[in-house]
Amino acid sequence: MKFMILYKDATSRGSNYFKLLVEIANGIWVGAVYFGNTTPKTISKISSRGDSWVVEIQKHQSRDKYTGKFKKFKRK
């Protein structure tokens, strides 16, 4: 998957995120967000969250798209 990093910024709570342009199909580019400190080098997954797109570069615990905090889940 081809992508371009537009900029790096921080949420209101201090979590870092990257704003990206990702090519999801031949010639179709969408704006997406990656939450984390690691600069994306490859993209493993892009998923739709409401009206925006969120990128994953590796398997990890997901973050809330507005605050950047880790989502909580129950362990059995």
PDB file of N, CA and C in Angstrom:
ATOM      1  N   MET A   1       0.839  -1.167   0.000  1.00  0.00           N
ATOM      2  CA  MET A   1       0.000   0.000   0.000  1.00  0.00           C
ATOM      3  C   MET A   1       0.896   1.247   0.000  1.00  0.00           C
ATOM      4  N   LYS A   2       0.673   2.140  -0.927  1.00  0.00           N
ATOM      5  CA  LYS A   2       1.437   3.387  -0.977  1.00  0.00           C
ATOM      6  C   LYS A   2       0.825   4.400  -0.018  1.00  0.00           C
ATOM      7  N   PHE A   3       1.683   5.235   0.577  1.00  0.00           N
ATOM      8  CA  PHE A   3       1.184   6.265   1.469  1.00  0.00           C
ATOM      9  C   PHE A   3       2.182   7.406   1.539  1.00  0.00           C
ATOM     10  N   MET A   4       1.690   8.562   1.977  1.00  0.00           N
ATOM     11  CA  MET A   4       2.527   9.743   2.189  1.00  0.00           C
ATOM     12  C   MET A   4       2.187  10.309   3.565  1.00  0.00           C
ATOM     13  N   ILE A   5       3.214  10.677   4.319  1.00  0.00           N
ATOM     14  CA  ILE A   5       3.011  11.311   5.624  1.00  0.00           C
ATOM     15  C   ILE A   5       2.854  12.812   5.391  1.00  0.00           C
ATOM     16  N   LEU A   6       1.724  13.357   5.828  1.00  0.00           N
ATOM     17  CA  LEU A   6       1.479  14.789   5.670  1.00  0.00           C
ATOM     18  C   LEU A   6       2.092  15.578   6.818  1.00  0.00           C
ATOM     19  N   TYR A   7       1.796  15.176   8.061  1.00  0.00           N
ATOM     20  CA  TYR A   7       2.377  15.862   9.212  1.00  0.00           C
ATOM     21  C   TYR A   7       2.211  15.015  10.462  1.00  0.00           C
ATOM     22  N   LYS A   8       2.944  15.382  11.510  1.00  0.00           N
ATOM     23  CA  LYS A   8       2.850  14.757  12.831  1.00  0.00           C
ATOM     24  C   LYS A   8       2.357  15.823  13.797  1.00  0.00           C
ATOM     25  N   ASP A   9       1.458  15.447  14.689  1.00  0.00           N
ATOM     26  CA  ASP A   9       0.895  16.395  15.643  1.00  0.00           C
ATOM     27  C   ASP A   9       0.591  15.656  16.939  1.00  0.00           C
ATOM     28  N   ALA A  10       0.017  16.344  17.893  1.00  0.00           N
ATOM     29  CA  ALA A  10      -0.359  15.746  19.176  1.00  0.00           C
ATOM     30  C   ALA A  10      -1.821  16.052  19.470  1.00  0.00           C
ATOM     31  N   THR A  11      -2.481  15.115  20.160  1.00  0.00           N
ATOM     32  CA  THR A  11      -3.857  15.337  20.576  1.00  0.00           C
ATOM     33  C   THR A  11      -3.865  16.286  21.762  1.00  0.00           C
ATOM     34  N   SER A  12      -5.045  16.645  22.219  1.00  0.00           N
ATOM     35  CA  SER A  12      -5.143  17.561  23.357  1.00  0.00           C
ATOM     36  C   SER A  12      -4.585  16.945  24.635  1.00  0.00           C
ATOM     37  N   ARG A  13      -4.506  15.617  24.679  1.00  0.00           N
ATOM     38  CA  ARG A  13      -3.965  14.939  25.861  1.00  0.00           C
ATOM     39  C   ARG A  13      -2.499  14.566  25.703  1.00  0.00           C
ATOM     40  N   GLY A  14      -1.883  14.953  24.591  1.00  0.00           N
ATOM     41  CA  GLY A  14      -0.453  14.736  24.430  1.00  0.00           C
ATOM     42  C   GLY A  14      -0.038  13.502  23.659  1.00  0.00           C
ATOM     43  N   SER A  15      -0.980  12.689  23.178  1.00  0.00           N
ATOM     44  CA  SER A  15      -0.625  11.511  22.382  1.00  0.00           C
ATOM     45  C   SER A  15      -0.267  11.939  20.967  1.00  0.00           C
ATOM     46  N   ASN A  16       0.759  11.331  20.405  1.00  0.00           N
ATOM     47  CA  ASN A  16       1.179  11.662  19.046  1.00  0.00           C
ATOM     48  C   ASN A  16       0.321  10.949  18.008  1.00  0.00           C
ATOM     49  N   TYR A  17       0.147  11.597  16.873  1.00  0.00           N
ATOM     50  CA  TYR A  17      -0.507  10.957  15.734  1.00  0.00           C
ATOM     51  C   TYR A  17       0.084  11.502  14.449  1.00  0.00           C
ATOM     52  N   PHE A  18      -0.051  10.712  13.384  1.00  0.00           N
ATOM     53  CA  PHE A  18       0.407  11.096  12.060  1.00  0.00           C
ATOM     54  C   PHE A  18      -0.795  11.197  11.147  1.00  0.00           C
ATOM     55  N   LYS A  19      -0.864  12.238  10.347  1.00  0.00           N
ATOM     56  CA  LYS A  19      -1.896  12.385   9.319  1.00  0.00           C
ATOM     57  C   LYS A  19      -1.278  11.887   8.018  1.00  0.00           C
ATOM     58  N   LEU A  20      -1.938  10.944   7.342  1.00  0.00           N
ATOM     59  CA  LEU A  20      -1.403  10.290   6.150  1.00  0.00           C
ATOM     60  C   LEU A  20      -2.366  10.398   4.982  1.00  0.00           C
ATOM     61  N   LEU A  21      -1.838  10.268   3.779  1.00  0.00           N
ATOM     62  CA  LEU A  21      -2.621  10.017   2.579  1.00  0.00           C
ATOM     63  C   LEU A  21      -2.289   8.596   2.159  1.00  0.00           C
ATOM     64  N   VAL A  22      -3.307   7.743   2.007  1.00  0.00           N
ATOM     65  CA  VAL A  22      -3.102   6.336   1.695  1.00  0.00           C
ATOM     66  C   VAL A  22      -3.836   6.002   0.407  1.00  0.00           C
ATOM     67  N   GLU A  23      -3.162   5.272  -0.487  1.00  0.00           N
ATOM     68  CA  GLU A  23      -3.785   4.824  -1.735  1.00  0.00           C
ATOM     69  C   GLU A  23      -4.477   3.494  -1.464  1.00  0.00           C
ATOM     70  N   ILE A  24      -5.826   3.485  -1.466  1.00  0.00           N
ATOM     71  CA  ILE A  24      -6.567   2.260  -1.170  1.00  0.00           C
ATOM     72  C   ILE A  24      -6.876   1.456  -2.426  1.00  0.00           C
ATOM     73  N   ALA A  25      -6.865   2.099  -3.568  1.00  0.00           N
ATOM     74  CA  ALA A  25      -7.048   1.437  -4.855  1.00  0.00           C
ATOM     75  C   ALA A  25      -6.242   2.235  -5.874  1.00  0.00           C
ATOM     76  N   ASN A  26      -6.157   1.726  -7.077  1.00  0.00           N
ATOM     77  CA  ASN A  26      -5.355   2.378  -8.102  1.00  0.00           C
ATOM     78  C   ASN A  26      -5.846   3.807  -8.347  1.00  0.00           C
ATOM     79  N   GLY A  27      -5.096   4.798  -7.866  1.00  0.00           N
ATOM     80  CA  GLY A  27      -5.435   6.199  -8.073  1.00  0.00           C
ATOM     81  C   GLY A  27      -6.407   6.790  -7.080  1.00  0.00           C
ATOM     82  N   ILE A  28      -6.885   6.010  -6.104  1.00  0.00           N
ATOM     83  CA  ILE A  28      -7.834   6.510  -5.108  1.00  0.00           C
ATOM     84  C   ILE A  28      -7.091   6.705  -3.784  1.00  0.00           C
ATOM     85  N   TRP A  29      -6.948   7.960  -3.373  1.00  0.00           N
ATOM     86  CA  TRP A  29      -6.233   8.312  -2.153  1.00  0.00           C
ATOM     87  C   TRP A  29      -7.218   8.811  -1.114  1.00  0.00           C
ATOM     88  N   VAL A  30      -7.047   8.391   0.136  1.00  0.00           N
ATOM     89  CA  VAL A  30      -7.889   8.848   1.238  1.00  0.00           C
ATOM     90  C   VAL A  30      -6.998   9.365   2.363  1.00  0.00           C
ATOM     91  N   GLY A  31      -7.531  10.301   3.127  1.00  0.00           N
ATOM     92  CA  GLY A  31      -6.827  10.797   4.303  1.00  0.00           C
ATOM     93  C   GLY A  31      -7.038   9.832   5.456  1.00  0.00           C
ATOM     94  N   ALA A  32      -5.975   9.520   6.195  1.00  0.00           N
ATOM     95  CA  ALA A  32      -6.065   8.580   7.305  1.00  0.00           C
ATOM     96  C   ALA A  32      -5.209   9.075   8.467  1.00  0.00           C
ATOM     97  N   VAL A  33      -5.424   8.467   9.628  1.00  0.00           N
ATOM     98  CA  VAL A  33      -4.693   8.841  10.838  1.00  0.00           C
ATOM     99  C   VAL A  33      -4.030   7.600  11.408  1.00  0.00           C
ATOM    100  N   TYR A  34      -2.790   7.768  11.901  1.00  0.00           N
ATOM    101  CA  TYR A  34      -2.116   6.716  12.653  1.00  0.00           C
ATOM    102  C   TYR A  34      -1.746   7.276  14.014  1.00  0.00           C
ATOM    103  N   PHE A  35      -2.224   6.631  15.087  1.00  0.00           N
ATOM    104  CA  PHE A  35      -1.905   7.055  16.451  1.00  0.00           C
ATOM    105  C   PHE A  35      -0.713   6.265  16.948  1.00  0.00           C
ATOM    106  N   GLY A  36       0.340   6.946  17.360  1.00  0.00           N
ATOM    107  CA  GLY A  36       1.511   6.289  17.918  1.00  0.00           C
ATOM    108  C   GLY A  36       2.757   7.127  17.728  1.00  0.00           C
ATOM    109  N   ASN A  37       3.859   6.687  18.335  1.00  0.00           N
ATOM    110  CA  ASN A  37       5.112   7.411  18.256  1.00  0.00           C
ATOM    111  C   ASN A  37       6.003   6.940  17.118  1.00  0.00           C
ATOM    112  N   THR A  38       5.789   5.722  16.633  1.00  0.00           N
ATOM    113  CA  THR A  38       6.630   5.142  15.598  1.00  0.00           C
ATOM    114  C   THR A  38       6.252   5.716  14.238  1.00  0.00           C
ATOM    115  N   THR A  39       7.233   6.206  13.499  1.00  0.00           N
ATOM    116  CA  THR A  39       6.975   6.717  12.156  1.00  0.00           C
ATOM    117  C   THR A  39       6.588   5.552  11.253  1.00  0.00           C
ATOM    118  N   PRO A  40       5.439   5.611  10.580  1.00  0.00           N
ATOM    119  CA  PRO A  40       5.006   4.501   9.726  1.00  0.00           C
ATOM    120  C   PRO A  40       5.967   4.274   8.560  1.00  0.00           C
ATOM    121  N   LYS A  41       6.392   3.025   8.374  1.00  0.00           N
ATOM    122  CA  LYS A  41       7.232   2.654   7.236  1.00  0.00           C
ATOM    123  C   LYS A  41       6.467   1.757   6.268  1.00  0.00           C
ATOM    124  N   THR A  42       5.600   0.905   6.801  1.00  0.00           N
ATOM    125  CA  THR A  42       4.691   0.090   6.001  1.00  0.00           C
ATOM    126  C   THR A  42       3.337   0.084   6.704  1.00  0.00           C
ATOM    127  N   ILE A  43       2.294  -0.178   5.952  1.00  0.00           N
ATOM    128  CA  ILE A  43       0.940  -0.217   6.505  1.00  0.00           C
ATOM    129  C   ILE A  43       0.415  -1.636   6.408  1.00  0.00           C
ATOM    130  N   SER A  44      -0.064  -2.181   7.531  1.00  0.00           N
ATOM    131  CA  SER A  44      -0.596  -3.535   7.520  1.00  0.00           C
ATOM    132  C   SER A  44      -2.111  -3.552   7.333  1.00  0.00           C
ATOM    133  N   LYS A  45      -2.795  -2.488   7.760  1.00  0.00           N
ATOM    134  CA  LYS A  45      -4.259  -2.486   7.697  1.00  0.00           C
ATOM    135  C   LYS A  45      -4.774  -1.057   7.700  1.00  0.00           C
ATOM    136  N   ILE A  46      -5.823  -0.811   6.943  1.00  0.00           N
ATOM    137  CA  ILE A  46      -6.539   0.464   6.998  1.00  0.00           C
ATOM    138  C   ILE A  46      -8.011   0.135   7.206  1.00  0.00           C
ATOM    139  N   SER A  47      -8.641   0.806   8.166  1.00  0.00           N
ATOM    140  CA  SER A  47     -10.035   0.516   8.459  1.00  0.00           C
ATOM    141  C   SER A  47     -10.824   1.807   8.600  1.00  0.00           C
ATOM    142  N   SER A  48     -12.102   1.708   8.297  1.00  0.00           N
ATOM    143  CA  SER A  48     -12.997   2.856   8.371  1.00  0.00           C
ATOM    144  C   SER A  48     -13.568   2.951   9.777  1.00  0.00           C
ATOM    145  N   ARG A  49     -13.492   4.142  10.356  1.00  0.00           N
ATOM    146  CA  ARG A  49     -14.077   4.402  11.675  1.00  0.00           C
ATOM    147  C   ARG A  49     -15.003   5.590  11.535  1.00  0.00           C
ATOM    148  N   GLY A  50     -16.267   5.322  11.357  1.00  0.00           N
ATOM    149  CA  GLY A  50     -17.230   6.406  11.164  1.00  0.00           C
ATOM    150  C   GLY A  50     -17.007   7.070   9.827  1.00  0.00           C
ATOM    151  N   ASP A  51     -16.669   8.346   9.835  1.00  0.00           N
ATOM    152  CA  ASP A  51     -16.442   9.075   8.588  1.00  0.00           C
ATOM    153  C   ASP A  51     -14.960   9.286   8.302  1.00  0.00           C
ATOM    154  N   SER A  52     -14.070   8.585   9.021  1.00  0.00           N
ATOM    155  CA  SER A  52     -12.629   8.736   8.790  1.00  0.00           C
ATOM    156  C   SER A  52     -11.965   7.369   8.658  1.00  0.00           C
ATOM    157  N   TRP A  53     -10.688   7.372   8.367  1.00  0.00           N
ATOM    158  CA  TRP A  53      -9.907   6.145   8.191  1.00  0.00           C
ATOM    159  C   TRP A  53      -8.794   6.101   9.216  1.00  0.00           C
ATOM    160  N   VAL A  54      -8.536   4.909   9.774  1.00  0.00           N
ATOM    161  CA  VAL A  54      -7.479   4.706  10.756  1.00  0.00           C
ATOM    162  C   VAL A  54      -6.533   3.633  10.225  1.00  0.00           C
ATOM    163  N   VAL A  55      -5.226   3.884  10.366  1.00  0.00           N
ATOM    164  CA  VAL A  55      -4.194   3.004   9.821  1.00  0.00           C
ATOM    165  C   VAL A  55      -3.527   2.232  10.956  1.00  0.00           C
ATOM    166  N   GLU A  56      -3.204   0.955  10.697  1.00  0.00           N
ATOM    167  CA  GLU A  56      -2.402   0.162  11.620  1.00  0.00           C
ATOM    168  C   GLU A  56      -1.113  -0.218  10.911  1.00  0.00           C
ATOM    169  N   ILE A  57       0.009  -0.120  11.616  1.00  0.00           N
ATOM    170  CA  ILE A  57       1.275  -0.523  11.013  1.00  0.00           C
ATOM    171  C   ILE A  57       1.753  -1.848  11.581  1.00  0.00           C
ATOM    172  N   GLN A  58       1.151  -2.293  12.661  1.00  0.00           N
ATOM    173  CA  GLN A  58       1.472  -3.579  13.260  1.00  0.00           C
ATOM    174  C   GLN A  58       0.353  -3.926  14.232  1.00  0.00           C
ATOM    175  N   LYS A  59       0.314  -5.170  14.662  1.00  0.00           N
ATOM    176  CA  LYS A  59      -0.685  -5.575  15.644  1.00  0.00           C
ATOM    177  C   LYS A  59      -0.371  -4.917  16.977  1.00  0.00           C
ATOM    178  N   HIS A  60      -1.344  -4.220  17.545  1.00  0.00           N
ATOM    179  CA  HIS A  60      -1.188  -3.587  18.837  1.00  0.00           C
ATOM    180  C   HIS A  60      -2.563  -3.255  19.386  1.00  0.00           C
ATOM    181  N   GLN A  61      -2.594  -2.859  20.642  1.00  0.00           N
ATOM    182  CA  GLN A  61      -3.861  -2.475  21.254  1.00  0.00           C
ATOM    183  C   GLN A  61      -4.348  -1.188  20.607  1.00  0.00           C
ATOM    184  N   SER A  62      -5.605  -1.142  20.224  1.00  0.00           N
ATOM    185  CA  SER A  62      -6.125   0.013  19.501  1.00  0.00           C
ATOM    186  C   SER A  62      -6.309   1.213  20.418  1.00  0.00           C
ATOM    187  N   ARG A  63      -6.337   2.390  19.788  1.00  0.00           N
ATOM    188  CA  ARG A  63      -6.499   3.648  20.517  1.00  0.00           C
ATOM    189  C   ARG A  63      -7.814   4.310  20.117  1.00  0.00           C
ATOM    190  N   ASP A  64      -8.313   5.144  20.999  1.00  0.00           N
ATOM    191  CA  ASP A  64      -9.495   5.931  20.712  1.00  0.00           C
ATOM    192  C   ASP A  64      -9.142   6.982  19.667  1.00  0.00           C
ATOM    193  N   LYS A  65      -9.987   7.157  18.657  1.00  0.00           N
ATOM    194  CA  LYS A  65      -9.626   8.035  17.541  1.00  0.00           C
ATOM    195  C   LYS A  65      -9.664   9.519  17.908  1.00  0.00           C
ATOM    196  N   TYR A  66     -10.348   9.908  18.967  1.00  0.00           N
ATOM    197  CA  TYR A  66     -10.423  11.313  19.329  1.00  0.00           C
ATOM    198  C   TYR A  66      -9.382  11.709  20.383  1.00  0.00           C
ATOM    199  N   THR A  67      -9.156  10.853  21.370  1.00  0.00           N
ATOM    200  CA  THR A  67      -8.232  11.204  22.447  1.00  0.00           C
ATOM    201  C   THR A  67      -6.849  10.607  22.258  1.00  0.00           C
ATOM    202  N   GLY A  68      -6.740   9.516  21.499  1.00  0.00           N
ATOM    203  CA  GLY A  68      -5.454   8.852  21.324  1.00  0.00           C
ATOM    204  C   GLY A  68      -5.108   7.919  22.463  1.00  0.00           C
ATOM    205  N   LYS A  69      -5.971   7.803  23.475  1.00  0.00           N
ATOM    206  CA  LYS A  69      -5.712   6.900  24.599  1.00  0.00           C
ATOM    207  C   LYS A  69      -6.015   5.461  24.192  1.00  0.00           C
ATOM    208  N   PHE A  70      -5.337   4.500  24.835  1.00  0.00           N
ATOM    209  CA  PHE A  70      -5.617   3.092  24.569  1.00  0.00           C
ATOM    210  C   PHE A  70      -7.040   2.749  24.939  1.00  0.00           C
ATOM    211  N   LYS A  71      -7.712   1.959  24.094  1.00  0.00           N
ATOM    212  CA  LYS A  71      -9.062   1.514  24.404  1.00  0.00           C
ATOM    213  C   LYS A  71      -8.964   0.413  25.442  1.00  0.00           C
ATOM    214  N   LYS A  72      -9.920   0.402  26.351  1.00  0.00           N
ATOM    215  CA  LYS A  72      -9.947  -0.614  27.395  1.00  0.00           C
ATOM    216  C   LYS A  72     -10.825  -1.764  26.948  1.00  0.00           C
ATOM    217  N   PHE A  73     -10.435  -2.966  27.318  1.00  0.00           N
ATOM    218  CA  PHE A  73     -11.260  -4.120  27.011  1.00  0.00           C
ATOM    219  C   PHE A  73     -11.171  -5.103  28.166  1.00  0.00           C
ATOM    220  N   LYS A  74     -12.194  -5.955  28.288  1.00  0.00           N
ATOM    221  CA  LYS A  74     -12.244  -6.910  29.383  1.00  0.00           C
ATOM    222  C   LYS A  74     -11.504  -8.184  28.990  1.00  0.00           C
ATOM    223  N   ARG A  75     -10.690  -8.672  29.896  1.00  0.00           N
ATOM    224  CA  ARG A  75     -10.019  -9.958  29.693  1.00  0.00           C
ATOM    225  C   ARG A  75     -10.816 -11.032  30.450  1.00  0.00           C
ATOM    226  N   LYS A  76     -10.900 -12.197  29.856  1.00  0.00           N
ATOM    227  CA  LYS A  76     -11.639 -13.292  30.497  1.00  0.00           C
ATOM    228  C   LYS A  76     -10.715 -14.162  31.277  1.00  0.00           C
TER     229      LYS A  76
END
